[in-house]
Amino acid sequence: MTESFIVYVVGLFILVAALICFSILTNPKQYVSFKILSGLGIFILGFISYGLFYIFTRFLL
């Protein structure tokens, strides 16, 4: 793994954790499992976007 990938994953993890915490503070009556699954969905979309960006920069440029 490259250093930029590790920085990206750590930043994405912090972003998702911050979004879940903010969501819990603003709407505490909503189901926690829904918030965690939403966070996992954002995390997976982040991985997909990084993969597409890597493919684009590596092979098309």
N, C-alpha and C. Protein backbone atom coordinates (compact mmCIF):
# COMPACT_ATOMS: atom_id res chain seq x y z
N MET A 1 0.84 -1.18 0.00
CA MET A 1 0.00 0.00 0.00
C MET A 1 0.88 1.24 0.00
N THR A 2 0.46 2.20 -0.77
CA THR A 2 1.22 3.43 -0.83
C THR A 2 0.82 4.36 0.32
N GLU A 3 1.65 5.34 0.54
CA GLU A 3 1.38 6.29 1.63
C GLU A 3 0.13 7.11 1.34
N SER A 4 -0.10 7.48 0.08
CA SER A 4 -1.28 8.27 -0.24
C SER A 4 -2.56 7.47 0.00
N PHE A 5 -2.52 6.16 -0.26
CA PHE A 5 -3.69 5.32 0.00
C PHE A 5 -3.99 5.25 1.49
N ILE A 6 -2.97 5.11 2.30
CA ILE A 6 -3.15 5.04 3.75
C ILE A 6 -3.72 6.36 4.28
N VAL A 7 -3.20 7.47 3.78
CA VAL A 7 -3.72 8.79 4.19
C VAL A 7 -5.17 8.92 3.77
N TYR A 8 -5.51 8.46 2.57
CA TYR A 8 -6.89 8.53 2.08
C TYR A 8 -7.82 7.70 2.96
N VAL A 9 -7.41 6.49 3.30
CA VAL A 9 -8.26 5.61 4.11
C VAL A 9 -8.45 6.19 5.51
N VAL A 10 -7.39 6.71 6.11
CA VAL A 10 -7.51 7.30 7.44
C VAL A 10 -8.43 8.53 7.40
N GLY A 11 -8.27 9.36 6.40
CA GLY A 11 -9.14 10.53 6.25
C GLY A 11 -10.58 10.14 6.04
N LEU A 12 -10.81 9.11 5.22
CA LEU A 12 -12.17 8.64 4.98
C LEU A 12 -12.78 8.07 6.25
N PHE A 13 -11.99 7.34 7.03
CA PHE A 13 -12.47 6.79 8.29
C PHE A 13 -12.85 7.90 9.26
N ILE A 14 -12.02 8.93 9.36
CA ILE A 14 -12.32 10.07 10.24
C ILE A 14 -13.58 10.79 9.78
N LEU A 15 -13.73 10.97 8.47
CA LEU A 15 -14.92 11.64 7.94
C LEU A 15 -16.19 10.86 8.26
N VAL A 16 -16.16 9.55 8.06
CA VAL A 16 -17.34 8.73 8.35
C VAL A 16 -17.66 8.75 9.84
N ALA A 17 -16.64 8.66 10.69
CA ALA A 17 -16.87 8.71 12.14
C ALA A 17 -17.46 10.05 12.55
N ALA A 18 -16.97 11.13 11.96
CA ALA A 18 -17.50 12.46 12.27
C ALA A 18 -18.95 12.59 11.81
N LEU A 19 -19.26 12.05 10.63
CA LEU A 19 -20.64 12.11 10.15
C LEU A 19 -21.59 11.32 11.04
N ILE A 20 -21.15 10.15 11.50
CA ILE A 20 -22.00 9.34 12.39
C ILE A 20 -22.20 10.06 13.72
N CYS A 21 -21.14 10.63 14.28
CA CYS A 21 -21.27 11.37 15.55
C CYS A 21 -22.19 12.57 15.40
N PHE A 22 -22.04 13.32 14.31
CA PHE A 22 -22.90 14.48 14.07
C PHE A 22 -24.35 14.04 13.90
N SER A 23 -24.56 12.93 13.21
CA SER A 23 -25.91 12.42 13.00
C SER A 23 -26.54 11.99 14.32
N ILE A 24 -25.75 11.38 15.20
CA ILE A 24 -26.28 10.97 16.50
C ILE A 24 -26.63 12.19 17.35
N LEU A 25 -25.82 13.23 17.27
CA LEU A 25 -26.10 14.44 18.06
C LEU A 25 -27.33 15.18 17.55
N THR A 26 -27.53 15.22 16.23
CA THR A 26 -28.63 16.00 15.69
C THR A 26 -29.95 15.25 15.72
N ASN A 27 -29.92 13.92 15.61
CA ASN A 27 -31.16 13.15 15.58
C ASN A 27 -30.96 11.86 16.39
N PRO A 28 -31.00 11.95 17.72
CA PRO A 28 -30.69 10.77 18.54
C PRO A 28 -31.76 9.69 18.51
N LYS A 29 -32.97 9.99 18.04
CA LYS A 29 -34.04 8.99 18.06
C LYS A 29 -33.99 8.04 16.87
N GLN A 30 -33.17 8.36 15.89
CA GLN A 30 -33.05 7.48 14.73
C GLN A 30 -32.25 6.23 15.12
N TYR A 31 -32.50 5.14 14.43
CA TYR A 31 -31.82 3.88 14.76
C TYR A 31 -30.32 3.99 14.53
N VAL A 32 -29.56 3.50 15.51
CA VAL A 32 -28.10 3.55 15.43
C VAL A 32 -27.59 2.62 14.33
N SER A 33 -28.25 1.47 14.16
CA SER A 33 -27.82 0.53 13.13
C SER A 33 -27.93 1.16 11.74
N PHE A 34 -28.96 1.96 11.52
CA PHE A 34 -29.12 2.65 10.24
C PHE A 34 -27.97 3.63 10.02
N LYS A 35 -27.58 4.31 11.07
CA LYS A 35 -26.48 5.27 10.96
C LYS A 35 -25.16 4.57 10.68
N ILE A 36 -24.94 3.43 11.32
CA ILE A 36 -23.70 2.69 11.09
C ILE A 36 -23.67 2.13 9.68
N LEU A 37 -24.80 1.60 9.20
CA LEU A 37 -24.85 1.09 7.83
C LEU A 37 -24.67 2.21 6.81
N SER A 38 -25.20 3.38 7.11
CA SER A 38 -24.98 4.53 6.22
C SER A 38 -23.51 4.90 6.18
N GLY A 39 -22.86 4.87 7.33
CA GLY A 39 -21.43 5.15 7.39
C GLY A 39 -20.62 4.14 6.62
N LEU A 40 -20.99 2.86 6.72
CA LEU A 40 -20.29 1.83 5.95
C LEU A 40 -20.50 2.03 4.45
N GLY A 41 -21.71 2.45 4.08
CA GLY A 41 -21.97 2.72 2.67
C GLY A 41 -21.12 3.86 2.14
N ILE A 42 -20.97 4.91 2.94
CA ILE A 42 -20.11 6.03 2.54
C ILE A 42 -18.66 5.56 2.44
N PHE A 43 -18.23 4.72 3.37
CA PHE A 43 -16.86 4.20 3.35
C PHE A 43 -16.61 3.37 2.10
N ILE A 44 -17.57 2.52 1.73
CA ILE A 44 -17.42 1.69 0.53
C ILE A 44 -17.42 2.56 -0.72
N LEU A 45 -18.29 3.56 -0.78
CA LEU A 45 -18.27 4.48 -1.92
C LEU A 45 -16.95 5.23 -2.02
N GLY A 46 -16.35 5.53 -0.88
CA GLY A 46 -15.04 6.17 -0.89
C GLY A 46 -13.97 5.27 -1.48
N PHE A 47 -14.02 3.98 -1.13
CA PHE A 47 -13.07 3.03 -1.72
C PHE A 47 -13.26 2.92 -3.23
N ILE A 48 -14.51 2.87 -3.66
CA ILE A 48 -14.79 2.77 -5.10
C ILE A 48 -14.29 4.00 -5.82
N SER A 49 -14.54 5.18 -5.24
CA SER A 49 -14.08 6.41 -5.89
C SER A 49 -12.56 6.47 -5.94
N TYR A 50 -11.89 6.00 -4.90
CA TYR A 50 -10.42 5.97 -4.93
C TYR A 50 -9.93 5.01 -6.01
N GLY A 51 -10.58 3.86 -6.13
CA GLY A 51 -10.19 2.91 -7.16
C GLY A 51 -10.38 3.47 -8.55
N LEU A 52 -11.50 4.14 -8.79
CA LEU A 52 -11.72 4.74 -10.10
C LEU A 52 -10.72 5.85 -10.38
N PHE A 53 -10.41 6.64 -9.36
CA PHE A 53 -9.42 7.70 -9.53
C PHE A 53 -8.05 7.11 -9.83
N TYR A 54 -7.70 6.02 -9.15
CA TYR A 54 -6.41 5.37 -9.37
C TYR A 54 -6.33 4.82 -10.79
N ILE A 55 -7.39 4.16 -11.23
CA ILE A 55 -7.40 3.63 -12.60
C ILE A 55 -7.29 4.75 -13.61
N PHE A 56 -8.04 5.83 -13.39
CA PHE A 56 -8.02 6.95 -14.33
C PHE A 56 -6.63 7.57 -14.41
N THR A 57 -6.01 7.82 -13.27
CA THR A 57 -4.70 8.48 -13.29
C THR A 57 -3.59 7.54 -13.73
N ARG A 58 -3.74 6.26 -13.46
CA ARG A 58 -2.66 5.31 -13.78
C ARG A 58 -2.66 4.92 -15.25
N PHE A 59 -3.82 4.68 -15.82
CA PHE A 59 -3.88 4.10 -17.15
C PHE A 59 -4.32 5.07 -18.24
N LEU A 60 -5.07 6.10 -17.88
CA LEU A 60 -5.61 6.98 -18.92
C LEU A 60 -4.81 8.25 -19.12
N LEU A 61 -3.99 8.62 -18.15
CA LEU A 61 -3.20 9.85 -18.30
C LEU A 61 -1.79 9.54 -18.75
